[in-house]
Amino acid sequence: MTCKVLIDDNFHYQDENERVTHGQFETAEEAIAACRSIVDDFLAGAFKPGMSATALYDLYRSFGDDPSADPKGAPVAFSAWQYARERCEVLAATACR
């Protein structure tokens, strides 16, 4: 099964004209890894020392890239927003140490 990764722009929420194709992957696992990397890259660039998880997540939901895996066949369970929420918590907690 091949799996295409699409990226929507949270700033232009639900505007399919702003959607871009990131790439084609051989497996759903590879596609999900690419989606996670896209979210991680945004969060790493947006995070500032002392920033709360909530502030970082709000910034992501307003301006971050929203990748999704579009498979041929069975659906792929991945939510960029849920993943971003979890990563924001980790980033904020790690920065406090």
N, C-alpha and C. Protein backbone atom coordinates (compact mmCIF):
# COMPACT_ATOMS: atom_id res chain seq x y z
N MET A 1 0.85 -1.19 0.00
CA MET A 1 0.00 0.00 0.00
C MET A 1 0.89 1.24 0.00
N THR A 2 0.64 2.16 -0.92
CA THR A 2 1.35 3.44 -0.89
C THR A 2 0.50 4.45 -0.16
N CYS A 3 1.17 5.44 0.38
CA CYS A 3 0.47 6.42 1.20
C CYS A 3 1.03 7.81 0.90
N LYS A 4 0.18 8.72 0.50
CA LYS A 4 0.57 10.09 0.19
C LYS A 4 0.42 10.95 1.45
N VAL A 5 1.39 11.83 1.68
CA VAL A 5 1.28 12.79 2.78
C VAL A 5 0.89 14.14 2.19
N LEU A 6 -0.21 14.66 2.69
CA LEU A 6 -0.72 15.97 2.29
C LEU A 6 -0.52 16.93 3.45
N ILE A 7 -0.30 18.19 3.14
CA ILE A 7 -0.14 19.20 4.19
C ILE A 7 -1.16 20.31 3.96
N ASP A 8 -1.98 20.50 4.98
CA ASP A 8 -2.89 21.66 5.00
C ASP A 8 -2.24 22.73 5.87
N ASP A 9 -2.63 23.94 5.64
CA ASP A 9 -2.10 25.09 6.36
C ASP A 9 -3.13 25.52 7.40
N ASN A 10 -2.78 25.41 8.69
CA ASN A 10 -3.74 25.79 9.73
C ASN A 10 -4.18 27.24 9.62
N PHE A 11 -3.32 28.11 9.06
CA PHE A 11 -3.68 29.52 8.90
C PHE A 11 -4.83 29.67 7.91
N HIS A 12 -4.90 28.75 6.95
CA HIS A 12 -5.98 28.74 5.95
C HIS A 12 -6.83 27.49 6.17
N TYR A 13 -7.33 27.32 7.36
CA TYR A 13 -8.04 26.12 7.78
C TYR A 13 -9.15 25.73 6.80
N GLN A 14 -9.12 24.49 6.37
CA GLN A 14 -10.09 23.87 5.46
C GLN A 14 -10.13 24.51 4.07
N ASP A 15 -9.07 25.19 3.68
CA ASP A 15 -8.97 25.75 2.33
C ASP A 15 -8.12 24.80 1.50
N GLU A 16 -8.78 23.95 0.72
CA GLU A 16 -8.07 22.94 -0.06
C GLU A 16 -7.15 23.53 -1.12
N ASN A 17 -7.33 24.80 -1.45
CA ASN A 17 -6.44 25.46 -2.40
C ASN A 17 -5.04 25.67 -1.81
N GLU A 18 -4.94 25.63 -0.49
CA GLU A 18 -3.66 25.81 0.19
C GLU A 18 -2.96 24.47 0.48
N ARG A 19 -3.60 23.36 0.13
CA ARG A 19 -3.06 22.02 0.39
C ARG A 19 -1.92 21.72 -0.59
N VAL A 20 -0.85 21.12 -0.05
CA VAL A 20 0.28 20.69 -0.87
C VAL A 20 0.57 19.22 -0.59
N THR A 21 1.19 18.58 -1.57
CA THR A 21 1.62 17.20 -1.39
C THR A 21 3.06 17.20 -0.92
N HIS A 22 3.31 16.51 0.18
CA HIS A 22 4.66 16.41 0.75
C HIS A 22 5.44 15.29 0.10
N GLY A 23 4.78 14.17 -0.16
CA GLY A 23 5.47 13.04 -0.77
C GLY A 23 4.64 11.78 -0.75
N GLN A 24 5.17 10.76 -1.37
CA GLN A 24 4.54 9.45 -1.45
C GLN A 24 5.42 8.46 -0.70
N PHE A 25 4.81 7.62 0.14
CA PHE A 25 5.56 6.68 0.97
C PHE A 25 5.05 5.27 0.75
N GLU A 26 5.94 4.31 0.93
CA GLU A 26 5.61 2.92 0.68
C GLU A 26 4.67 2.33 1.74
N THR A 27 4.80 2.81 2.98
CA THR A 27 3.98 2.26 4.06
C THR A 27 3.31 3.37 4.85
N ALA A 28 2.26 3.01 5.57
CA ALA A 28 1.58 3.97 6.44
C ALA A 28 2.52 4.43 7.55
N GLU A 29 3.36 3.53 8.04
CA GLU A 29 4.31 3.88 9.11
C GLU A 29 5.28 4.96 8.65
N GLU A 30 5.77 4.85 7.42
CA GLU A 30 6.68 5.87 6.88
C GLU A 30 5.95 7.20 6.70
N ALA A 31 4.71 7.14 6.27
CA ALA A 31 3.92 8.36 6.09
C ALA A 31 3.67 9.04 7.43
N ILE A 32 3.34 8.25 8.45
CA ILE A 32 3.11 8.83 9.78
C ILE A 32 4.39 9.42 10.33
N ALA A 33 5.52 8.76 10.11
CA ALA A 33 6.81 9.32 10.56
C ALA A 33 7.07 10.67 9.88
N ALA A 34 6.73 10.78 8.61
CA ALA A 34 6.90 12.06 7.90
C ALA A 34 5.97 13.12 8.49
N CYS A 35 4.74 12.74 8.80
CA CYS A 35 3.78 13.68 9.40
C CYS A 35 4.31 14.19 10.75
N ARG A 36 4.81 13.25 11.56
CA ARG A 36 5.36 13.65 12.87
C ARG A 36 6.54 14.59 12.71
N SER A 37 7.39 14.32 11.74
CA SER A 37 8.56 15.17 11.50
C SER A 37 8.14 16.59 11.11
N ILE A 38 7.10 16.70 10.30
CA ILE A 38 6.60 18.02 9.89
C ILE A 38 6.12 18.81 11.10
N VAL A 39 5.35 18.16 11.97
CA VAL A 39 4.86 18.81 13.18
C VAL A 39 6.03 19.16 14.10
N ASP A 40 6.95 18.21 14.30
CA ASP A 40 8.11 18.45 15.17
C ASP A 40 8.95 19.62 14.69
N ASP A 41 9.14 19.73 13.38
CA ASP A 41 9.93 20.84 12.83
C ASP A 41 9.29 22.18 13.14
N PHE A 42 7.97 22.26 12.98
CA PHE A 42 7.30 23.52 13.31
C PHE A 42 7.44 23.85 14.78
N LEU A 43 7.17 22.87 15.64
CA LEU A 43 7.21 23.12 17.09
C LEU A 43 8.61 23.50 17.56
N ALA A 44 9.63 22.85 17.01
CA ALA A 44 11.00 23.17 17.40
C ALA A 44 11.36 24.61 17.02
N GLY A 45 10.89 25.05 15.87
CA GLY A 45 11.18 26.41 15.43
C GLY A 45 10.36 27.46 16.15
N ALA A 46 9.18 27.09 16.60
CA ALA A 46 8.27 28.06 17.24
C ALA A 46 8.48 28.16 18.75
N PHE A 47 9.03 27.12 19.35
CA PHE A 47 9.16 27.10 20.81
C PHE A 47 10.20 28.10 21.28
N LYS A 48 9.84 28.86 22.28
CA LYS A 48 10.74 29.82 22.92
C LYS A 48 10.87 29.46 24.40
N PRO A 49 12.04 29.66 24.99
CA PRO A 49 12.21 29.34 26.41
C PRO A 49 11.13 30.02 27.27
N GLY A 50 10.56 29.24 28.18
CA GLY A 50 9.53 29.77 29.06
C GLY A 50 8.13 29.68 28.49
N MET A 51 8.00 29.27 27.24
CA MET A 51 6.69 29.18 26.60
C MET A 51 5.91 28.01 27.20
N SER A 52 4.65 28.23 27.46
CA SER A 52 3.81 27.16 28.00
C SER A 52 3.38 26.22 26.87
N ALA A 53 2.99 25.02 27.26
CA ALA A 53 2.48 24.06 26.28
C ALA A 53 1.25 24.62 25.59
N THR A 54 0.40 25.29 26.34
CA THR A 54 -0.83 25.86 25.76
C THR A 54 -0.51 26.93 24.73
N ALA A 55 0.44 27.81 25.05
CA ALA A 55 0.81 28.87 24.11
C ALA A 55 1.41 28.28 22.83
N LEU A 56 2.25 27.27 22.98
CA LEU A 56 2.86 26.65 21.81
C LEU A 56 1.80 25.95 20.96
N TYR A 57 0.89 25.25 21.61
CA TYR A 57 -0.17 24.55 20.89
C TYR A 57 -1.09 25.55 20.16
N ASP A 58 -1.42 26.64 20.82
CA ASP A 58 -2.24 27.67 20.17
C ASP A 58 -1.54 28.24 18.94
N LEU A 59 -0.23 28.43 19.03
CA LEU A 59 0.55 28.91 17.89
C LEU A 59 0.52 27.89 16.76
N TYR A 60 0.67 26.63 17.11
CA TYR A 60 0.61 25.56 16.10
C TYR A 60 -0.75 25.55 15.41
N ARG A 61 -1.81 25.58 16.20
CA ARG A 61 -3.16 25.53 15.61
C ARG A 61 -3.45 26.74 14.74
N SER A 62 -2.79 27.85 15.00
CA SER A 62 -3.02 29.05 14.20
C SER A 62 -2.15 29.10 12.93
N PHE A 63 -0.91 28.62 13.03
CA PHE A 63 0.03 28.85 11.94
C PHE A 63 0.80 27.62 11.46
N GLY A 64 0.67 26.50 12.15
CA GLY A 64 1.46 25.32 11.80
C GLY A 64 0.93 24.57 10.59
N ASP A 65 1.76 23.67 10.11
CA ASP A 65 1.36 22.78 9.03
C ASP A 65 0.58 21.61 9.62
N ASP A 66 -0.46 21.19 8.93
CA ASP A 66 -1.34 20.12 9.40
C ASP A 66 -1.24 18.94 8.42
N PRO A 67 -0.25 18.05 8.63
CA PRO A 67 -0.07 16.94 7.70
C PRO A 67 -1.06 15.82 7.96
N SER A 68 -1.36 15.10 6.90
CA SER A 68 -2.21 13.92 7.02
C SER A 68 -1.74 12.87 6.02
N ALA A 69 -2.01 11.62 6.36
CA ALA A 69 -1.64 10.51 5.48
C ALA A 69 -2.88 10.09 4.71
N ASP A 70 -2.76 10.07 3.40
CA ASP A 70 -3.87 9.73 2.51
C ASP A 70 -3.53 8.41 1.82
N PRO A 71 -3.99 7.30 2.39
CA PRO A 71 -3.61 5.99 1.84
C PRO A 71 -4.50 5.55 0.69
N LYS A 72 -4.00 4.58 -0.02
CA LYS A 72 -4.83 3.86 -0.97
C LYS A 72 -5.20 2.57 -0.26
N GLY A 73 -6.41 2.47 0.19
CA GLY A 73 -6.82 1.29 0.96
C GLY A 73 -7.38 1.70 2.30
N ALA A 74 -6.91 1.05 3.33
CA ALA A 74 -7.42 1.29 4.70
C ALA A 74 -7.01 2.66 5.21
N PRO A 75 -7.86 3.31 6.00
CA PRO A 75 -7.51 4.63 6.54
C PRO A 75 -6.35 4.56 7.53
N VAL A 76 -5.60 5.64 7.61
CA VAL A 76 -4.48 5.75 8.54
C VAL A 76 -4.92 6.61 9.72
N ALA A 77 -4.75 6.07 10.91
CA ALA A 77 -5.15 6.79 12.12
C ALA A 77 -3.99 7.67 12.58
N PHE A 78 -4.05 8.95 12.26
CA PHE A 78 -3.06 9.92 12.73
C PHE A 78 -3.73 11.28 12.77
N SER A 79 -3.61 11.94 13.91
CA SER A 79 -4.11 13.30 14.06
C SER A 79 -2.94 14.22 14.37
N ALA A 80 -2.63 15.11 13.45
CA ALA A 80 -1.53 16.05 13.68
C ALA A 80 -1.81 16.94 14.88
N TRP A 81 -3.07 17.34 15.06
CA TRP A 81 -3.40 18.19 16.20
C TRP A 81 -3.18 17.46 17.52
N GLN A 82 -3.59 16.20 17.59
CA GLN A 82 -3.39 15.43 18.81
C GLN A 82 -1.90 15.20 19.07
N TYR A 83 -1.18 14.87 18.01
CA TYR A 83 0.26 14.68 18.15
C TYR A 83 0.93 15.98 18.60
N ALA A 84 0.54 17.10 18.02
CA ALA A 84 1.11 18.39 18.41
C ALA A 84 0.82 18.71 19.87
N ARG A 85 -0.39 18.42 20.32
CA ARG A 85 -0.74 18.67 21.72
C ARG A 85 0.19 17.88 22.65
N GLU A 86 0.41 16.61 22.33
CA GLU A 86 1.29 15.76 23.14
C GLU A 86 2.72 16.28 23.12
N ARG A 87 3.21 16.66 21.96
CA ARG A 87 4.59 17.15 21.83
C ARG A 87 4.78 18.48 22.53
N CYS A 88 3.76 19.34 22.52
CA CYS A 88 3.85 20.63 23.23
C CYS A 88 4.03 20.39 24.72
N GLU A 89 3.31 19.44 25.26
CA GLU A 89 3.46 19.10 26.69
C GLU A 89 4.87 18.64 26.98
N VAL A 90 5.41 17.79 26.12
CA VAL A 90 6.77 17.28 26.32
C VAL A 90 7.79 18.41 26.21
N LEU A 91 7.68 19.24 25.19
CA LEU A 91 8.62 20.34 25.02
C LEU A 91 8.60 21.31 26.19
N ALA A 92 7.43 21.67 26.64
CA ALA A 92 7.31 22.62 27.76
C ALA A 92 7.86 21.99 29.04
N ALA A 93 7.58 20.73 29.27
CA ALA A 93 8.07 20.06 30.49
C ALA A 93 9.59 19.90 30.45
N THR A 94 10.13 19.58 29.29
CA THR A 94 11.57 19.40 29.15
C THR A 94 12.30 20.71 29.36
N ALA A 95 11.74 21.79 28.89
CA ALA A 95 12.37 23.11 29.02
C ALA A 95 12.40 23.58 30.46
N CYS A 96 11.50 23.06 31.29
CA CYS A 96 11.43 23.48 32.70
C CYS A 96 12.50 22.79 33.55
N ARG A 97 13.14 21.78 33.02
CA ARG A 97 14.13 21.03 33.83
C ARG A 97 15.45 21.71 33.88
